[in-house]
C-alpha atoms as a PDB file:
ATOM      1  CA  MET A   1      92.490 130.276 -16.274  1.00  0.00           C
ATOM      2  CA  SER A   2      95.172 129.500 -19.455  1.00  0.00           C
ATOM      3  CA  THR A   3      94.043 130.477 -22.778  1.00  0.00           C
ATOM      4  CA  GLU A   4      95.166 131.066 -26.265  1.00  0.00           C
ATOM      5  CA  THR A   5      92.248 133.363 -27.393  1.00  0.00           C
ATOM      6  CA  ASP A   6      91.828 136.993 -25.723  1.00  0.00           C
ATOM      7  CA  VAL A   7      88.657 137.735 -28.010  1.00  0.00           C
ATOM      8  CA  LEU A   8      86.191 135.058 -29.260  1.00  0.00           C
ATOM      9  CA  VAL A   9      84.641 137.466 -32.307  1.00  0.00           C
ATOM     10  CA  LEU A  10      81.027 136.056 -33.370  1.00  0.00           C
ATOM     11  CA  GLY A  11      79.331 136.542 -36.467  1.00  0.00           C
ATOM     12  CA  GLY A  12      79.547 139.506 -38.057  1.00  0.00           C
ATOM     13  CA  ALA A  13      81.603 138.032 -41.306  1.00  0.00           C
ATOM     14  CA  GLY A  14      80.654 139.666 -44.796  1.00  0.00           C
ATOM     15  CA  VAL A  15      81.524 141.009 -48.128  1.00  0.00           C
ATOM     16  CA  ASP A  16      80.500 144.762 -49.157  1.00  0.00           C
ATOM     17  CA  THR A  17      80.352 146.165 -52.580  1.00  0.00           C
ATOM     18  CA  ILE A  18      81.690 149.729 -52.302  1.00  0.00           C
ATOM     19  CA  VAL A  19      80.001 152.540 -54.392  1.00  0.00           C
ATOM     20  CA  TYR A  20      81.792 155.874 -54.157  1.00  0.00           C
ATOM     21  CA  VAL A  21      78.750 158.448 -55.035  1.00  0.00           C
ATOM     22  CA  PRO A  22      78.788 162.480 -55.673  1.00  0.00           C
ATOM     23  CA  GLU A  23      76.581 163.082 -52.742  1.00  0.00           C
ATOM     24  CA  LEU A  24      74.128 161.693 -50.113  1.00  0.00           C
ATOM     25  CA  PRO A  25      71.229 161.164 -49.832  1.00  0.00           C
ATOM     26  CA  LEU A  26      71.510 160.488 -53.663  1.00  0.00           C
ATOM     27  CA  PRO A  27      68.776 161.975 -55.887  1.00  0.00           C
ATOM     28  CA  PHE A  28      66.748 159.955 -58.234  1.00  0.00           C
ATOM     29  CA  ALA A  29      68.408 159.886 -61.795  1.00  0.00           C
ATOM     30  CA  ASP A  30      68.309 156.666 -64.342  1.00  0.00           C
ATOM     31  CA  SER A  31      72.201 156.390 -64.192  1.00  0.00           C
ATOM     32  CA  TYR A  32      75.367 157.824 -62.187  1.00  0.00           C
ATOM     33  CA  MET A  33      78.855 157.757 -63.271  1.00  0.00           C
ATOM     34  CA  VAL A  34      81.292 156.541 -60.599  1.00  0.00           C
ATOM     35  CA  PRO A  35      84.613 155.665 -59.896  1.00  0.00           C
ATOM     36  CA  ARG A  36      85.204 152.127 -59.884  1.00  0.00           C
ATOM     37  CA  ILE A  37      83.122 149.301 -58.187  1.00  0.00           C
ATOM     38  CA  GLU A  38      85.021 147.270 -55.813  1.00  0.00           C
ATOM     39  CA  MET A  39      83.683 144.256 -53.443  1.00  0.00           C
ATOM     40  CA  ARG A  40      85.819 143.566 -50.464  1.00  0.00           C
ATOM     41  CA  ALA A  41      85.788 140.905 -47.335  1.00  0.00           C
ATOM     42  CA  GLY A  42      84.424 142.666 -44.298  1.00  0.00           C
ATOM     43  CA  GLN A  43      81.883 143.215 -42.642  1.00  0.00           C
ATOM     44  CA  THR A  44      81.312 144.298 -38.561  1.00  0.00           C
ATOM     45  CA  GLY A  45      82.487 141.095 -37.204  1.00  0.00           C
ATOM     46  CA  ASP A  46      85.762 140.815 -39.908  1.00  0.00           C
ATOM     47  CA  PHE A  47      86.218 144.791 -38.692  1.00  0.00           C
ATOM     48  CA  VAL A  48      86.642 144.414 -35.432  1.00  0.00           C
ATOM     49  CA  ALA A  49      88.732 140.746 -35.432  1.00  0.00           C
ATOM     50  CA  LEU A  50      90.816 142.689 -37.884  1.00  0.00           C
ATOM     51  CA  GLY A  51      91.132 145.509 -35.351  1.00  0.00           C
ATOM     52  CA  LEU A  52      91.357 143.638 -32.288  1.00  0.00           C
ATOM     53  CA  SER A  53      94.462 141.722 -33.945  1.00  0.00           C
ATOM     54  CA  ALA A  54      96.178 144.991 -35.250  1.00  0.00           C
ATOM     55  CA  LEU A  55      96.354 146.063 -31.229  1.00  0.00           C
ATOM     56  CA  GLY A  56      98.321 142.843 -30.661  1.00  0.00           C
ATOM     57  CA  LEU A  57      95.168 140.647 -28.965  1.00  0.00           C
ATOM     58  CA  ARG A  58      94.964 137.165 -29.952  1.00  0.00           C
ATOM     59  CA  THR A  59      91.249 137.156 -31.376  1.00  0.00           C
ATOM     60  CA  HIS A  60      89.773 133.960 -33.407  1.00  0.00           C
ATOM     61  CA  HIS A  61      86.553 134.420 -35.497  1.00  0.00           C
ATOM     62  CA  LEU A  62      83.645 132.278 -35.420  1.00  0.00           C
ATOM     63  CA  ASP A  63      80.411 132.593 -38.115  1.00  0.00           C
ATOM     64  CA  MET A  64      78.556 130.933 -40.857  1.00  0.00           C
ATOM     65  CA  ILE A  65      80.085 131.886 -44.522  1.00  0.00           C
ATOM     66  CA  GLY A  66      78.896 130.031 -47.728  1.00  0.00           C
ATOM     67  CA  ALA A  67      80.794 127.907 -50.026  1.00  0.00           C
ATOM     68  CA  ASP A  68      81.050 130.817 -52.601  1.00  0.00           C
ATOM     69  CA  HIS A  69      83.375 133.399 -53.874  1.00  0.00           C
ATOM     70  CA  PRO A  70      82.074 135.977 -50.865  1.00  0.00           C
ATOM     71  CA  GLY A  71      82.718 133.216 -48.730  1.00  0.00           C
ATOM     72  CA  ASP A  72      86.812 132.578 -50.062  1.00  0.00           C
ATOM     73  CA  LEU A  73      87.749 136.428 -50.265  1.00  0.00           C
ATOM     74  CA  ILE A  74      86.096 136.394 -46.804  1.00  0.00           C
ATOM     75  CA  ARG A  75      88.859 133.203 -45.510  1.00  0.00           C
ATOM     76  CA  ALA A  76      91.399 134.949 -47.522  1.00  0.00           C
ATOM     77  CA  LEU A  77      91.121 138.093 -45.458  1.00  0.00           C
ATOM     78  CA  HIS A  78      91.784 135.987 -42.301  1.00  0.00           C
ATOM     79  CA  ARG A  79      94.497 134.019 -43.379  1.00  0.00           C
ATOM     80  CA  ASN A  80      96.770 136.605 -45.352  1.00  0.00           C
ATOM     81  CA  ARG A  81      95.888 138.883 -42.081  1.00  0.00           C
ATOM     82  CA  GLY A  82      96.967 135.568 -39.742  1.00  0.00           C
ATOM     83  CA  ILE A  83      93.450 136.009 -37.640  1.00  0.00           C
ATOM     84  CA  PRO A  84      92.257 132.193 -37.150  1.00  0.00           C
ATOM     85  CA  LEU A  85      88.754 131.836 -38.403  1.00  0.00           C
ATOM     86  CA  THR A  86      86.070 128.645 -37.709  1.00  0.00           C
ATOM     87  CA  ASP A  87      83.569 128.898 -40.740  1.00  0.00           C
ATOM     88  CA  VAL A  88      80.173 127.035 -40.593  1.00  0.00           C
ATOM     89  CA  PRO A  89      78.576 126.446 -43.802  1.00  0.00           C
ATOM     90  CA  LEU A  90      75.792 129.337 -44.429  1.00  0.00           C
ATOM     91  CA  PRO A  91      73.155 127.443 -47.038  1.00  0.00           C
ATOM     92  CA  GLY A  92      71.500 130.591 -47.908  1.00  0.00           C
ATOM     93  CA  GLY A  93      75.483 132.198 -49.199  1.00  0.00           C
ATOM     94  CA  THR A  94      77.660 134.605 -47.371  1.00  0.00           C
ATOM     95  CA  LYS A  95      76.235 137.694 -46.267  1.00  0.00           C
ATOM     96  CA  ARG A  96      76.801 140.825 -48.610  1.00  0.00           C
ATOM     97  CA  ALA A  97      75.804 144.619 -48.412  1.00  0.00           C
ATOM     98  CA  VAL A  98      76.053 147.666 -50.775  1.00  0.00           C
ATOM     99  CA  ASN A  99      77.523 150.488 -49.627  1.00  0.00           C
ATOM    100  CA  LEU A 100      76.992 154.146 -51.366  1.00  0.00           C
ATOM    101  CA  VAL A 101      79.796 156.085 -49.296  1.00  0.00           C
ATOM    102  CA  GLY A 102      79.943 160.001 -49.925  1.00  0.00           C
ATOM    103  CA  PRO A 103      82.385 162.924 -50.640  1.00  0.00           C
ATOM    104  CA  ASP A 104      82.135 163.669 -46.926  1.00  0.00           C
ATOM    105  CA  GLY A 105      82.748 159.999 -45.553  1.00  0.00           C
ATOM    106  CA  ARG A 106      79.230 159.321 -44.898  1.00  0.00           C
ATOM    107  CA  ARG A 107      78.320 155.418 -45.617  1.00  0.00           C
ATOM    108  CA  LEU A 108      74.714 154.458 -46.384  1.00  0.00           C
ATOM    109  CA  SER A 109      74.578 150.427 -46.403  1.00  0.00           C
ATOM    110  CA  LEU A 110      71.658 148.556 -47.879  1.00  0.00           C
ATOM    111  CA  TYR A 111      72.428 145.152 -46.008  1.00  0.00           C
ATOM    112  CA  ASP A 112      70.929 142.117 -48.392  1.00  0.00           C
ATOM    113  CA  ASP A 113      68.750 140.335 -45.017  1.00  0.00           C
ATOM    114  CA  SER A 114      67.702 137.172 -47.120  1.00  0.00           C
ATOM    115  CA  ARG A 115      70.692 135.017 -46.454  1.00  0.00           C
ATOM    116  CA  SER A 116      70.024 133.700 -43.291  1.00  0.00           C
ATOM    117  CA  HIS A 117      67.665 131.144 -42.535  1.00  0.00           C
ATOM    118  CA  GLU A 118      65.403 130.102 -39.320  1.00  0.00           C
ATOM    119  CA  ALA A 119      67.224 126.825 -38.959  1.00  0.00           C
ATOM    120  CA  ASP A 120      70.749 128.216 -39.197  1.00  0.00           C
ATOM    121  CA  ARG A 121      73.125 128.151 -35.786  1.00  0.00           C
ATOM    122  CA  LEU A 122      76.582 128.033 -34.593  1.00  0.00           C
ATOM    123  CA  PRO A 123      77.212 124.742 -33.638  1.00  0.00           C
ATOM    124  CA  GLU A 124      77.119 124.787 -29.681  1.00  0.00           C
ATOM    125  CA  ASP A 125      79.988 122.347 -29.040  1.00  0.00           C
ATOM    126  CA  THR A 126      82.086 124.623 -31.188  1.00  0.00           C
ATOM    127  CA  VAL A 127      80.876 127.816 -29.706  1.00  0.00           C
ATOM    128  CA  ARG A 128      81.907 125.562 -26.428  1.00  0.00           C
ATOM    129  CA  ALA A 129      85.131 124.397 -27.391  1.00  0.00           C
ATOM    130  CA  LEU A 130      85.985 127.798 -28.701  1.00  0.00           C
ATOM    131  CA  ALA A 131      84.884 129.912 -25.651  1.00  0.00           C
ATOM    132  CA  ALA A 132      86.864 127.523 -22.922  1.00  0.00           C
ATOM    133  CA  ASP A 133      89.705 128.697 -24.739  1.00  0.00           C
ATOM    134  CA  SER A 134      88.836 132.325 -24.835  1.00  0.00           C
ATOM    135  CA  ARG A 135      88.893 135.665 -22.279  1.00  0.00           C
ATOM    136  CA  HIS A 136      86.088 137.268 -23.811  1.00  0.00           C
ATOM    137  CA  ALA A 137      83.676 137.210 -26.707  1.00  0.00           C
ATOM    138  CA  HIS A 138      82.743 139.649 -28.720  1.00  0.00           C
ATOM    139  CA  VAL A 139      78.928 139.429 -30.204  1.00  0.00           C
ATOM    140  CA  SER A 140      77.932 140.976 -33.271  1.00  0.00           C
ATOM    141  CA  ILE A 141      74.179 141.373 -33.342  1.00  0.00           C
ATOM    142  CA  THR A 142      73.889 139.286 -36.962  1.00  0.00           C
ATOM    143  CA  TYR A 143      72.050 136.256 -37.300  1.00  0.00           C
ATOM    144  CA  PRO A 144      72.274 133.322 -35.224  1.00  0.00           C
ATOM    145  CA  CYS A 145      74.386 134.692 -32.693  1.00  0.00           C
ATOM    146  CA  ALA A 146      71.562 135.543 -29.999  1.00  0.00           C
ATOM    147  CA  PHE A 147      71.424 131.528 -29.645  1.00  0.00           C
ATOM    148  CA  ALA A 148      75.311 131.631 -28.721  1.00  0.00           C
ATOM    149  CA  LEU A 149      75.102 134.270 -25.780  1.00  0.00           C
ATOM    150  CA  PRO A 150      73.951 131.422 -22.733  1.00  0.00           C
ATOM    151  CA  LEU A 151      76.409 129.111 -23.692  1.00  0.00           C
ATOM    152  CA  LEU A 152      79.162 132.333 -23.698  1.00  0.00           C
ATOM    153  CA  ARG A 153      77.786 132.944 -20.015  1.00  0.00           C
ATOM    154  CA  GLU A 154      77.984 129.389 -19.200  1.00  0.00           C
ATOM    155  CA  ALA A 155      81.614 129.113 -20.362  1.00  0.00           C
ATOM    156  CA  GLY A 156      82.170 132.258 -17.826  1.00  0.00           C
ATOM    157  CA  LEU A 157      82.767 134.750 -19.946  1.00  0.00           C
ATOM    158  CA  THR A 158      82.867 138.254 -20.071  1.00  0.00           C
ATOM    159  CA  VAL A 159      81.102 139.223 -23.213  1.00  0.00           C
ATOM    160  CA  SER A 160      80.434 142.571 -25.416  1.00  0.00           C
ATOM    161  CA  THR A 161      78.067 143.403 -28.143  1.00  0.00           C
ATOM    162  CA  ASP A 162      77.370 146.410 -30.663  1.00  0.00           C
ATOM    163  CA  LEU A 163      73.884 146.889 -31.071  1.00  0.00           C
ATOM    164  CA  HIS A 164      74.593 149.570 -34.026  1.00  0.00           C
ATOM    165  CA  ASN A 165      71.341 151.955 -35.153  1.00  0.00           C
ATOM    166  CA  TRP A 166      69.000 150.251 -32.386  1.00  0.00           C
ATOM    167  CA  ASP A 167      65.993 152.560 -31.991  1.00  0.00           C
ATOM    168  CA  GLY A 168      65.386 151.281 -28.584  1.00  0.00           C
ATOM    169  CA  VAL A 169      62.480 149.531 -28.987  1.00  0.00           C
ATOM    170  CA  ASN A 170      62.883 146.694 -31.487  1.00  0.00           C
ATOM    171  CA  ALA A 171      62.987 143.050 -29.827  1.00  0.00           C
ATOM    172  CA  TYR A 172      65.807 141.452 -32.139  1.00  0.00           C
ATOM    173  CA  HIS A 173      68.395 143.441 -30.729  1.00  0.00           C
ATOM    174  CA  GLU A 174      67.441 142.854 -26.719  1.00  0.00           C
ATOM    175  CA  PRO A 175      68.771 139.496 -26.317  1.00  0.00           C
ATOM    176  CA  PHE A 176      71.841 141.194 -27.302  1.00  0.00           C
ATOM    177  CA  ALA A 177      71.348 144.476 -25.044  1.00  0.00           C
ATOM    178  CA  TYR A 178      70.428 142.642 -22.035  1.00  0.00           C
ATOM    179  CA  GLY A 179      72.943 139.757 -22.433  1.00  0.00           C
ATOM    180  CA  ALA A 180      76.388 141.510 -22.853  1.00  0.00           C
ATOM    181  CA  ASP A 181      78.147 142.943 -19.780  1.00  0.00           C
ATOM    182  CA  LEU A 182      79.895 145.907 -21.848  1.00  0.00           C
ATOM    183  CA  VAL A 183      77.120 147.246 -24.530  1.00  0.00           C
ATOM    184  CA  PHE A 184      77.954 149.937 -27.571  1.00  0.00           C
ATOM    185  CA  VAL A 185      74.993 151.048 -29.522  1.00  0.00           C
ATOM    186  CA  SER A 186      75.286 154.379 -32.447  1.00  0.00           C
ATOM    187  CA  THR A 187      73.122 156.901 -31.126  1.00  0.00           C
ATOM    188  CA  THR A 188      72.099 157.616 -34.667  1.00  0.00           C
ATOM    189  CA  ALA A 189      67.982 155.680 -34.181  1.00  0.00           C
ATOM    190  CA  LEU A 190      67.683 156.952 -30.497  1.00  0.00           C
ATOM    191  CA  ALA A 191      65.190 159.567 -29.397  1.00  0.00           C
ATOM    192  CA  ASP A 192      66.448 159.654 -26.110  1.00  0.00           C
ATOM    193  CA  PRO A 193      70.062 158.158 -25.881  1.00  0.00           C
ATOM    194  CA  GLU A 194      70.635 158.618 -21.947  1.00  0.00           C
ATOM    195  CA  ARG A 195      67.097 156.687 -21.576  1.00  0.00           C
ATOM    196  CA  THR A 196      68.299 153.571 -24.056  1.00  0.00           C
ATOM    197  CA  MET A 197      71.615 153.501 -22.275  1.00  0.00           C
ATOM    198  CA  ARG A 198      70.299 153.478 -18.457  1.00  0.00           C
ATOM    199  CA  LEU A 199      67.497 150.971 -19.360  1.00  0.00           C
ATOM    200  CA  ILE A 200      70.131 148.585 -20.850  1.00  0.00           C
ATOM    201  CA  VAL A 201      71.686 148.584 -17.124  1.00  0.00           C
ATOM    202  CA  GLU A 202      68.266 148.257 -15.461  1.00  0.00           C
ATOM    203  CA  ARG A 203      67.423 145.410 -17.685  1.00  0.00           C
ATOM    204  CA  GLY A 204      70.455 143.805 -18.309  1.00  0.00           C
ATOM    205  CA  ARG A 205      73.798 142.937 -17.480  1.00  0.00           C
ATOM    206  CA  ALA A 206      75.780 145.558 -18.210  1.00  0.00           C
ATOM    207  CA  ARG A 207      78.077 147.321 -16.226  1.00  0.00           C
ATOM    208  CA  THR A 208      79.533 149.534 -19.254  1.00  0.00           C
ATOM    209  CA  VAL A 209      76.915 151.197 -22.045  1.00  0.00           C
ATOM    210  CA  VAL A 210      78.751 153.387 -24.834  1.00  0.00           C
ATOM    211  CA  ALA A 211      76.451 155.646 -26.631  1.00  0.00           C
ATOM    212  CA  MET A 212      78.769 156.031 -30.451  1.00  0.00           C
ATOM    213  CA  ALA A 213      77.634 159.957 -31.529  1.00  0.00           C
ATOM    214  CA  GLY A 214      80.104 160.161 -34.682  1.00  0.00           C
ATOM    215  CA  ALA A 215      81.752 163.396 -34.605  1.00  0.00           C
ATOM    216  CA  GLU A 216      80.545 164.488 -31.657  1.00  0.00           C
ATOM    217  CA  GLY A 217      82.181 161.517 -29.685  1.00  0.00           C
ATOM    218  CA  ALA A 218      80.405 159.050 -27.654  1.00  0.00           C
ATOM    219  CA  TYR A 219      78.875 158.986 -24.199  1.00  0.00           C
ATOM    220  CA  MET A 220      79.275 156.653 -21.687  1.00  0.00           C
ATOM    221  CA  LEU A 221      77.053 155.182 -18.806  1.00  0.00           C
ATOM    222  CA  THR A 222      79.576 153.736 -16.100  1.00  0.00           C
ATOM    223  CA  GLU A 223      78.808 153.364 -12.354  1.00  0.00           C
ATOM    224  CA  GLY A 224      75.589 154.826 -12.759  1.00  0.00           C
ATOM    225  CA  ARG A 225      77.193 158.572 -14.320  1.00  0.00           C
ATOM    226  CA  ILE A 226      77.131 159.220 -17.988  1.00  0.00           C
ATOM    227  CA  THR A 227      80.431 160.874 -19.099  1.00  0.00           C
ATOM    228  CA  HIS A 228      80.709 162.899 -22.467  1.00  0.00           C
ATOM    229  CA  ILE A 229      84.020 161.208 -24.652  1.00  0.00           C
ATOM    230  CA  PRO A 230      85.242 164.121 -26.541  1.00  0.00           C
ATOM    231  CA  ALA A 231      86.055 162.667 -30.979  1.00  0.00           C
ATOM    232  CA  VAL A 232      89.616 162.729 -31.301  1.00  0.00           C
ATOM    233  CA  PRO A 233      91.083 164.810 -34.457  1.00  0.00           C
ATOM    234  CA  PRO A 234      91.703 162.165 -37.371  1.00  0.00           C
ATOM    235  CA  PRO A 235      95.294 162.062 -38.221  1.00  0.00           C
ATOM    236  CA  THR A 236      94.958 162.618 -41.880  1.00  0.00           C
ATOM    237  CA  ALA A 237      91.738 163.630 -44.201  1.00  0.00           C
ATOM    238  CA  VAL A 238      88.564 161.987 -43.135  1.00  0.00           C
ATOM    239  CA  VAL A 239      87.984 159.733 -46.407  1.00  0.00           C
ATOM    240  CA  ASP A 240      85.040 157.318 -45.606  1.00  0.00           C
ATOM    241  CA  SER A 241      83.124 156.635 -41.668  1.00  0.00           C
ATOM    242  CA  ASN A 242      82.774 152.675 -42.616  1.00  0.00           C
ATOM    243  CA  GLY A 243      84.430 150.857 -39.837  1.00  0.00           C
ATOM    244  CA  ALA A 244      84.907 153.537 -37.489  1.00  0.00           C
ATOM    245  CA  GLY A 245      82.606 151.895 -35.036  1.00  0.00           C
ATOM    246  CA  ASP A 246      84.131 149.161 -35.207  1.00  0.00           C
ATOM    247  CA  ALA A 247      87.355 150.564 -34.968  1.00  0.00           C
ATOM    248  CA  PHE A 248      86.305 152.344 -31.494  1.00  0.00           C
ATOM    249  CA  VAL A 249      85.090 148.794 -30.447  1.00  0.00           C
ATOM    250  CA  SER A 250      88.666 147.433 -30.552  1.00  0.00           C
ATOM    251  CA  GLY A 251      90.262 150.040 -29.160  1.00  0.00           C
ATOM    252  CA  PHE A 252      87.705 150.611 -26.032  1.00  0.00           C
ATOM    253  CA  LEU A 253      88.370 146.596 -25.705  1.00  0.00           C
ATOM    254  CA  LEU A 254      92.184 146.847 -26.078  1.00  0.00           C
ATOM    255  CA  GLY A 255      91.996 148.996 -22.407  1.00  0.00           C
ATOM    256  CA  TRP A 256      89.016 146.786 -20.978  1.00  0.00           C
ATOM    257  CA  LEU A 257      90.763 143.912 -20.887  1.00  0.00           C
ATOM    258  CA  ALA A 258      93.708 145.160 -19.679  1.00  0.00           C
ATOM    259  CA  ASP A 259      91.134 146.818 -16.470  1.00  0.00           C
ATOM    260  CA  GLU A 260      92.117 150.201 -17.532  1.00  0.00           C
ATOM    261  CA  PRO A 261      89.620 152.908 -16.156  1.00  0.00           C
ATOM    262  CA  ALA A 262      86.675 153.325 -18.250  1.00  0.00           C
ATOM    263  CA  ALA A 263      87.731 157.428 -19.499  1.00  0.00           C
ATOM    264  CA  ARG A 264      91.127 155.760 -20.740  1.00  0.00           C
ATOM    265  CA  CYS A 265      89.022 152.825 -22.457  1.00  0.00           C
ATOM    266  CA  ALA A 266      87.225 155.457 -24.263  1.00  0.00           C
ATOM    267  CA  ARG A 267      89.993 157.279 -25.317  1.00  0.00           C
ATOM    268  CA  TYR A 268      91.629 154.031 -27.212  1.00  0.00           C
ATOM    269  CA  GLY A 269      88.265 153.597 -28.610  1.00  0.00           C
ATOM    270  CA  ALA A 270      88.238 157.323 -29.934  1.00  0.00           C
ATOM    271  CA  ILE A 271      91.933 156.913 -31.177  1.00  0.00           C
ATOM    272  CA  ALA A 272      91.139 154.063 -33.407  1.00  0.00           C
ATOM    273  CA  GLY A 273      87.701 155.203 -34.812  1.00  0.00           C
ATOM    274  CA  ALA A 274      89.264 158.540 -35.935  1.00  0.00           C
ATOM    275  CA  TYR A 275      92.009 156.628 -37.808  1.00  0.00           C
ATOM    276  CA  ALA A 276      89.011 154.624 -39.319  1.00  0.00           C
ATOM    277  CA  CYS A 277      87.414 157.901 -40.916  1.00  0.00           C
ATOM    278  CA  THR A 278      90.807 157.970 -42.464  1.00  0.00           C
ATOM    279  CA  VAL A 279      91.318 154.692 -44.519  1.00  0.00           C
ATOM    280  CA  PRO A 280      88.900 154.146 -47.926  1.00  0.00           C
ATOM    281  CA  ALA A 281      85.983 151.982 -47.871  1.00  0.00           C
ATOM    282  CA  THR A 282      88.174 149.724 -50.224  1.00  0.00           C
ATOM    283  CA  SER A 283      90.757 148.888 -47.243  1.00  0.00           C
ATOM    284  CA  THR A 284      91.067 146.903 -44.866  1.00  0.00           C
ATOM    285  CA  ASP A 285      93.747 148.826 -42.837  1.00  0.00           C
ATOM    286  CA  SER A 286      93.845 149.005 -38.994  1.00  0.00           C
ATOM    287  CA  ILE A 287      95.627 151.315 -36.313  1.00  0.00           C
ATOM    288  CA  GLY A 288      98.351 149.609 -34.589  1.00  0.00           C
ATOM    289  CA  ARG A 289      99.068 149.393 -30.897  1.00  0.00           C
ATOM    290  CA  GLY A 290     102.159 151.063 -31.165  1.00  0.00           C
ATOM    291  CA  GLU A 291     100.599 154.353 -32.772  1.00  0.00           C
ATOM    292  CA  LEU A 292      97.627 153.794 -30.762  1.00  0.00           C
ATOM    293  CA  LEU A 293      99.629 154.265 -27.583  1.00  0.00           C
ATOM    294  CA  ALA A 294     101.442 156.898 -28.887  1.00  0.00           C
ATOM    295  CA  ARG A 295      98.430 159.079 -29.947  1.00  0.00           C
ATOM    296  CA  ALA A 296      97.297 158.425 -26.164  1.00  0.00           C
ATOM    297  CA  ALA A 297     100.364 159.651 -24.921  1.00  0.00           C
ATOM    298  CA  GLU A 298     100.477 162.775 -27.086  1.00  0.00           C
ATOM    299  CA  LEU A 299      96.605 163.611 -25.745  1.00  0.00           C
ATOM    300  CA  ASP A 300      97.358 163.334 -22.194  1.00  0.00           C
ATOM    301  CA  ALA A 301     100.256 165.708 -23.124  1.00  0.00           C
ATOM    302  CA  VAL A 302      98.038 168.240 -24.244  1.00  0.00           C
ATOM    303  CA  GLN A 303      95.543 167.767 -21.628  1.00  0.00           C
ATOM    304  CA  LYS A 304      97.829 167.858 -19.232  1.00  0.00           C
ATOM    305  CA  GLY A 305      99.744 171.910 -20.475  1.00  0.00           C
ATOM    306  CA  ASN A 306      95.980 172.711 -20.462  1.00  0.00           C
ATOM    307  CA  ALA A 307      94.840 171.766 -16.947  1.00  0.00           C
END
C-alpha cells in the first residue's frame, strides 16, 4: 500500500502557559515573583507530531482547534515546522493549560477541561481520507478522539496511544487502552503497574505495553514478559520534564515502524525522552534522527564493552 504519511496523529493540540515556580508543591502565599510567564503552542499531540517529524517520519496532525489566538499559535507552529495540520473548528475554543515548572524540572499541569463539548466530533469523512493515506495512527486521549478509533481500525491502521497518568480504573481511558495495538502509560497513578499492563493486554488489542517511570526508566510488557528499560543519562542538565513522555513515544515509534526489536524501540524512546528533559518548557525542540541514532550507537558500544 502506497501512503503519503507515516504517522497520523489525532488530538492533543493546545497551548500551555509556562510558569517557573521556586518549588513544587508550591506553598500557599498571596503572591510570588516569578520569571517571565510565556504562552507557547504545544501539548501532547503537538509534541508527538514534532518529535516524529524531527526523526524523519512523515507526519500529519488532525484535531479540533478554536478560531482564536491560541489556535493561531498552533497553526503557526505546524506551518513553521512543515508539519501538515488539518484543523477542525472547535466551538469551545482552543484547549489550553497552565504548567507550573519547578527548579528540578518537575511539572504540574493545570488542564482546562471546559473547551470540549459532548457534541464535538472529528468528521468521519476527514478521518477516513487521512487514514487511507497513512501507515499508522497515534491517538491522543483528548476528547473526542475515541470516536475515531473504529474508523482507524476499519482502515487497517495500527494504532498507538498514551494513557498518561491513568489510574487503571477511570472508564474514560478504556476505549484507548483496549483499542490500541501499542499502549503507553505513566506509572505515576498506578497502584500496581504490572497488573494494569497485563490487564490492557488481556482485555484489548495491544501487543506491547510500555509503562514510563521517569528517572527510573520504563517497564515494557511484550510477548508475556516484563522487562525494565533503564533511563538514559541526558546529554546536558535537566531543566524541564515537560514533553519527555511524548518524546519517548516518538522515539519508540521510530523503531516500531521500522520493525526493530522491542528493546531497540524502547532504547530509542529513552534517548528521545532524556533529550526532551534538557529543553526548556518555553521551547519545542526535538532530537533529530542522526543524533538519536548516534547516541544509540554510543550506548551499544558501552554495553558491549561492559559485557
